[in-house]
Amino acid sequence: MIVKLKRKSPDLSDLSPDHPYFVIGIEADDYRILNDQGRPYLYPSTLFEIIDSKEPENWITEYGEDGERYAYPEILNGAGFFEDYFEGKAEALCRFWQVINRRLSEAA
């Protein structure tokens, strides 16, 4: 899935308007994308326009109690994965960049 920011906002200095962003995953309906600093942060999906709605086939999708969607590639889908990533744990960093590099090479 590829999205772009609908409009620039001073609160979103880490995103650029009209720049395409790959959605890495969906968490409680929010999009996890690599921002302009290369960090995989969550942003409300309402901030974005979908350019390409095709999602990778390897995403695992689940729904919460209120119908909110969670979808990630299996390798990133474990509980606490992004906590480990942001704590700089080597295994999480390696798995994350492996997924991102594969996704970007498929898009090329």
N, C-alpha and C. Protein backbone atom coordinates (compact mmCIF):
# COMPACT_ATOMS: atom_id res chain seq x y z
N MET A 1 0.85 -1.16 0.00
CA MET A 1 0.00 0.00 0.00
C MET A 1 0.90 1.23 0.00
N ILE A 2 0.52 2.19 -0.82
CA ILE A 2 1.28 3.44 -0.90
C ILE A 2 0.32 4.59 -0.65
N VAL A 3 0.75 5.52 0.18
CA VAL A 3 -0.08 6.67 0.54
C VAL A 3 0.71 7.96 0.39
N LYS A 4 -0.01 9.07 0.39
CA LYS A 4 0.66 10.38 0.44
C LYS A 4 -0.13 11.28 1.37
N LEU A 5 0.58 12.20 1.97
CA LEU A 5 0.00 13.15 2.92
C LEU A 5 -1.00 14.04 2.19
N LYS A 6 -2.18 14.22 2.77
CA LYS A 6 -3.21 15.05 2.13
C LYS A 6 -2.81 16.51 2.11
N ARG A 7 -2.30 17.00 3.23
CA ARG A 7 -1.89 18.41 3.30
C ARG A 7 -0.81 18.57 4.37
N LYS A 8 0.06 19.52 4.14
CA LYS A 8 1.16 19.82 5.07
C LYS A 8 0.60 20.45 6.34
N SER A 9 1.22 20.10 7.45
CA SER A 9 0.83 20.64 8.75
C SER A 9 2.09 20.88 9.57
N PRO A 10 2.14 21.98 10.34
CA PRO A 10 3.31 22.22 11.18
C PRO A 10 3.55 21.09 12.19
N ASP A 11 2.49 20.36 12.54
CA ASP A 11 2.61 19.25 13.48
C ASP A 11 3.24 18.02 12.85
N LEU A 12 3.39 18.03 11.52
CA LEU A 12 3.92 16.87 10.80
C LEU A 12 5.20 17.24 10.05
N SER A 13 6.14 17.81 10.76
CA SER A 13 7.39 18.25 10.12
C SER A 13 8.24 17.08 9.62
N ASP A 14 7.90 15.86 10.02
CA ASP A 14 8.66 14.69 9.58
C ASP A 14 8.05 14.00 8.36
N LEU A 15 7.04 14.65 7.74
CA LEU A 15 6.42 14.13 6.52
C LEU A 15 6.35 15.23 5.47
N SER A 16 6.44 14.84 4.21
CA SER A 16 6.40 15.80 3.11
C SER A 16 5.13 15.60 2.28
N PRO A 17 4.46 16.69 1.92
CA PRO A 17 3.29 16.55 1.06
C PRO A 17 3.69 16.04 -0.33
N ASP A 18 2.81 15.30 -0.95
CA ASP A 18 3.01 14.76 -2.29
C ASP A 18 4.15 13.76 -2.39
N HIS A 19 4.70 13.33 -1.27
CA HIS A 19 5.75 12.30 -1.27
C HIS A 19 5.07 10.94 -1.04
N PRO A 20 5.34 9.94 -1.87
CA PRO A 20 4.74 8.63 -1.63
C PRO A 20 5.42 7.91 -0.47
N TYR A 21 4.62 7.29 0.37
CA TYR A 21 5.13 6.52 1.51
C TYR A 21 4.58 5.10 1.44
N PHE A 22 5.45 4.10 1.62
CA PHE A 22 4.99 2.73 1.73
C PHE A 22 4.44 2.51 3.13
N VAL A 23 3.29 1.89 3.22
CA VAL A 23 2.73 1.51 4.51
C VAL A 23 3.38 0.19 4.90
N ILE A 24 4.05 0.22 6.04
CA ILE A 24 4.75 -0.96 6.55
C ILE A 24 3.77 -1.90 7.23
N GLY A 25 2.77 -1.31 7.86
CA GLY A 25 1.76 -2.08 8.57
C GLY A 25 0.65 -1.17 9.03
N ILE A 26 -0.38 -1.77 9.57
CA ILE A 26 -1.53 -1.03 10.08
C ILE A 26 -1.74 -1.45 11.53
N GLU A 27 -1.89 -0.48 12.40
CA GLU A 27 -2.04 -0.75 13.82
C GLU A 27 -3.18 0.10 14.36
N ALA A 28 -4.27 -0.56 14.76
CA ALA A 28 -5.47 0.14 15.24
C ALA A 28 -5.92 1.18 14.20
N ASP A 29 -5.89 0.78 12.93
CA ASP A 29 -6.27 1.60 11.77
C ASP A 29 -5.29 2.71 11.44
N ASP A 30 -4.23 2.89 12.22
CA ASP A 30 -3.19 3.87 11.90
C ASP A 30 -2.17 3.22 10.98
N TYR A 31 -1.51 4.03 10.16
CA TYR A 31 -0.49 3.53 9.25
C TYR A 31 0.89 3.68 9.87
N ARG A 32 1.67 2.60 9.78
CA ARG A 32 3.07 2.71 10.16
C ARG A 32 3.85 2.91 8.86
N ILE A 33 4.54 4.06 8.78
CA ILE A 33 5.33 4.38 7.60
C ILE A 33 6.71 4.86 8.02
N LEU A 34 7.64 4.79 7.08
CA LEU A 34 8.96 5.38 7.32
C LEU A 34 8.83 6.86 7.03
N ASN A 35 9.03 7.70 8.04
CA ASN A 35 8.92 9.14 7.83
C ASN A 35 10.18 9.66 7.14
N ASP A 36 10.27 10.96 6.97
CA ASP A 36 11.40 11.56 6.25
C ASP A 36 12.73 11.39 6.98
N GLN A 37 12.69 11.05 8.25
CA GLN A 37 13.92 10.77 9.00
C GLN A 37 14.25 9.28 9.02
N GLY A 38 13.45 8.48 8.31
CA GLY A 38 13.70 7.04 8.24
C GLY A 38 13.25 6.29 9.46
N ARG A 39 12.32 6.86 10.23
CA ARG A 39 11.81 6.21 11.44
C ARG A 39 10.43 5.64 11.18
N PRO A 40 10.15 4.41 11.61
CA PRO A 40 8.86 3.77 11.36
C PRO A 40 7.80 4.15 12.40
N TYR A 41 7.20 5.31 12.22
CA TYR A 41 6.22 5.80 13.18
C TYR A 41 4.79 5.55 12.73
N LEU A 42 3.88 5.59 13.67
CA LEU A 42 2.46 5.46 13.40
C LEU A 42 1.84 6.84 13.18
N TYR A 43 0.97 6.91 12.18
CA TYR A 43 0.25 8.15 11.88
C TYR A 43 -1.21 7.79 11.60
N PRO A 44 -2.14 8.68 11.98
CA PRO A 44 -3.55 8.41 11.69
C PRO A 44 -3.78 8.25 10.18
N SER A 45 -4.50 7.24 9.81
CA SER A 45 -4.75 6.98 8.38
C SER A 45 -5.53 8.12 7.73
N THR A 46 -6.27 8.88 8.52
CA THR A 46 -7.06 9.99 7.98
C THR A 46 -6.20 11.11 7.40
N LEU A 47 -4.90 11.12 7.72
CA LEU A 47 -4.00 12.15 7.21
C LEU A 47 -3.56 11.88 5.78
N PHE A 48 -3.86 10.68 5.28
CA PHE A 48 -3.30 10.24 4.01
C PHE A 48 -4.36 9.93 2.96
N GLU A 49 -3.92 10.07 1.73
CA GLU A 49 -4.69 9.65 0.57
C GLU A 49 -4.01 8.38 0.06
N ILE A 50 -4.79 7.38 -0.27
CA ILE A 50 -4.23 6.14 -0.79
C ILE A 50 -3.94 6.30 -2.27
N ILE A 51 -2.69 6.05 -2.64
CA ILE A 51 -2.27 6.10 -4.04
C ILE A 51 -2.39 4.72 -4.67
N ASP A 52 -1.98 3.69 -3.91
CA ASP A 52 -2.04 2.31 -4.38
C ASP A 52 -2.51 1.46 -3.21
N SER A 53 -3.68 0.86 -3.33
CA SER A 53 -4.27 0.12 -2.21
C SER A 53 -3.80 -1.33 -2.12
N LYS A 54 -2.98 -1.77 -3.05
CA LYS A 54 -2.51 -3.16 -3.03
C LYS A 54 -1.62 -3.39 -1.81
N GLU A 55 -2.00 -4.39 -1.04
CA GLU A 55 -1.23 -4.75 0.15
C GLU A 55 -0.43 -6.01 -0.12
N PRO A 56 0.73 -6.13 0.52
CA PRO A 56 1.52 -7.35 0.35
C PRO A 56 0.73 -8.59 0.76
N GLU A 57 0.93 -9.66 0.05
CA GLU A 57 0.20 -10.90 0.33
C GLU A 57 0.60 -11.53 1.66
N ASN A 58 1.77 -11.18 2.18
CA ASN A 58 2.24 -11.81 3.41
C ASN A 58 1.77 -11.11 4.68
N TRP A 59 0.89 -10.12 4.54
CA TRP A 59 0.37 -9.46 5.74
C TRP A 59 -0.61 -10.38 6.46
N ILE A 60 -0.51 -10.38 7.77
CA ILE A 60 -1.46 -11.08 8.63
C ILE A 60 -2.40 -10.01 9.19
N THR A 61 -3.68 -10.19 8.98
CA THR A 61 -4.67 -9.20 9.42
C THR A 61 -5.49 -9.74 10.57
N GLU A 62 -5.67 -8.91 11.59
CA GLU A 62 -6.50 -9.23 12.74
C GLU A 62 -7.35 -8.00 13.04
N TYR A 63 -8.42 -8.20 13.81
CA TYR A 63 -9.29 -7.09 14.17
C TYR A 63 -9.46 -7.06 15.68
N GLY A 64 -9.44 -5.85 16.23
CA GLY A 64 -9.63 -5.68 17.66
C GLY A 64 -11.09 -5.73 18.04
N GLU A 65 -11.36 -5.57 19.32
CA GLU A 65 -12.71 -5.66 19.86
C GLU A 65 -13.66 -4.62 19.25
N ASP A 66 -13.13 -3.48 18.87
CA ASP A 66 -13.96 -2.42 18.29
C ASP A 66 -13.89 -2.40 16.76
N GLY A 67 -13.37 -3.45 16.16
CA GLY A 67 -13.30 -3.55 14.72
C GLY A 67 -12.09 -2.88 14.10
N GLU A 68 -11.17 -2.35 14.93
CA GLU A 68 -9.96 -1.72 14.40
C GLU A 68 -9.05 -2.79 13.80
N ARG A 69 -8.38 -2.40 12.75
CA ARG A 69 -7.57 -3.36 11.99
C ARG A 69 -6.10 -3.30 12.39
N TYR A 70 -5.49 -4.49 12.42
CA TYR A 70 -4.07 -4.67 12.65
C TYR A 70 -3.56 -5.55 11.51
N ALA A 71 -2.53 -5.10 10.79
CA ALA A 71 -2.00 -5.89 9.68
C ALA A 71 -0.51 -5.61 9.54
N TYR A 72 0.27 -6.67 9.55
CA TYR A 72 1.71 -6.58 9.41
C TYR A 72 2.22 -7.82 8.69
N PRO A 73 3.39 -7.71 8.07
CA PRO A 73 4.03 -8.94 7.60
C PRO A 73 4.28 -9.85 8.80
N GLU A 74 4.23 -11.14 8.60
CA GLU A 74 4.37 -12.09 9.71
C GLU A 74 5.62 -11.82 10.54
N ILE A 75 6.72 -11.51 9.89
CA ILE A 75 7.99 -11.32 10.59
C ILE A 75 7.97 -10.11 11.54
N LEU A 76 7.08 -9.14 11.28
CA LEU A 76 6.97 -7.95 12.14
C LEU A 76 5.75 -8.00 13.05
N ASN A 77 5.02 -9.09 13.02
CA ASN A 77 3.72 -9.15 13.67
C ASN A 77 3.75 -9.57 15.14
N GLY A 78 4.90 -9.88 15.67
CA GLY A 78 4.97 -10.34 17.05
C GLY A 78 4.71 -9.24 18.07
N ALA A 79 4.10 -9.61 19.18
CA ALA A 79 3.85 -8.66 20.27
C ALA A 79 5.18 -8.09 20.75
N GLY A 80 5.25 -6.78 20.85
CA GLY A 80 6.45 -6.12 21.35
C GLY A 80 7.54 -5.91 20.31
N PHE A 81 7.27 -6.25 19.05
CA PHE A 81 8.31 -6.12 18.04
C PHE A 81 8.83 -4.69 17.93
N PHE A 82 7.93 -3.72 17.81
CA PHE A 82 8.40 -2.35 17.62
C PHE A 82 8.98 -1.75 18.90
N GLU A 83 8.60 -2.25 20.05
CA GLU A 83 9.26 -1.83 21.28
C GLU A 83 10.73 -2.27 21.23
N ASP A 84 10.94 -3.51 20.79
CA ASP A 84 12.32 -4.01 20.65
C ASP A 84 13.08 -3.20 19.61
N TYR A 85 12.42 -2.86 18.50
CA TYR A 85 13.06 -2.07 17.46
C TYR A 85 13.53 -0.73 18.02
N PHE A 86 12.64 -0.02 18.71
CA PHE A 86 12.99 1.31 19.22
C PHE A 86 13.97 1.25 20.39
N GLU A 87 14.08 0.10 21.03
CA GLU A 87 15.11 -0.08 22.06
C GLU A 87 16.45 -0.46 21.44
N GLY A 88 16.47 -0.63 20.11
CA GLY A 88 17.71 -0.91 19.41
C GLY A 88 18.19 -2.35 19.48
N LYS A 89 17.27 -3.27 19.76
CA LYS A 89 17.67 -4.67 19.85
C LYS A 89 18.03 -5.19 18.46
N ALA A 90 19.20 -5.79 18.36
CA ALA A 90 19.79 -6.19 17.07
C ALA A 90 18.87 -7.08 16.25
N GLU A 91 18.25 -8.07 16.85
CA GLU A 91 17.38 -8.98 16.10
C GLU A 91 16.21 -8.24 15.47
N ALA A 92 15.58 -7.35 16.23
CA ALA A 92 14.45 -6.58 15.70
C ALA A 92 14.90 -5.65 14.58
N LEU A 93 16.03 -4.99 14.76
CA LEU A 93 16.55 -4.10 13.72
C LEU A 93 16.83 -4.87 12.43
N CYS A 94 17.46 -6.01 12.56
CA CYS A 94 17.80 -6.83 11.41
C CYS A 94 16.54 -7.30 10.69
N ARG A 95 15.57 -7.81 11.42
CA ARG A 95 14.32 -8.29 10.81
C ARG A 95 13.58 -7.15 10.13
N PHE A 96 13.53 -5.98 10.79
CA PHE A 96 12.82 -4.84 10.22
C PHE A 96 13.42 -4.43 8.88
N TRP A 97 14.73 -4.23 8.85
CA TRP A 97 15.36 -3.76 7.62
C TRP A 97 15.36 -4.82 6.54
N GLN A 98 15.32 -6.08 6.91
CA GLN A 98 15.18 -7.15 5.94
C GLN A 98 13.83 -7.02 5.22
N VAL A 99 12.77 -6.79 5.97
CA VAL A 99 11.43 -6.63 5.39
C VAL A 99 11.37 -5.38 4.52
N ILE A 100 11.91 -4.27 5.02
CA ILE A 100 11.86 -3.00 4.27
C ILE A 100 12.65 -3.12 2.97
N ASN A 101 13.84 -3.66 3.03
CA ASN A 101 14.65 -3.80 1.82
C ASN A 101 13.98 -4.71 0.79
N ARG A 102 13.36 -5.78 1.26
CA ARG A 102 12.66 -6.67 0.33
C ARG A 102 11.48 -5.94 -0.30
N ARG A 103 10.73 -5.21 0.50
CA ARG A 103 9.56 -4.48 -0.01
C ARG A 103 9.96 -3.43 -1.04
N LEU A 104 11.02 -2.69 -0.76
CA LEU A 104 11.47 -1.65 -1.67
C LEU A 104 12.02 -2.26 -2.97
N SER A 105 12.70 -3.40 -2.87
CA SER A 105 13.21 -4.03 -4.09
C SER A 105 12.08 -4.57 -4.95
N GLU A 106 11.00 -5.03 -4.34
CA GLU A 106 9.85 -5.49 -5.10
C GLU A 106 9.16 -4.34 -5.82
N ALA A 107 9.22 -3.17 -5.24
CA ALA A 107 8.55 -2.00 -5.83
C ALA A 107 9.35 -1.41 -7.00
N ALA A 108 10.63 -1.70 -7.02
CA ALA A 108 11.49 -1.08 -8.04
C ALA A 108 11.27 -1.59 -9.42
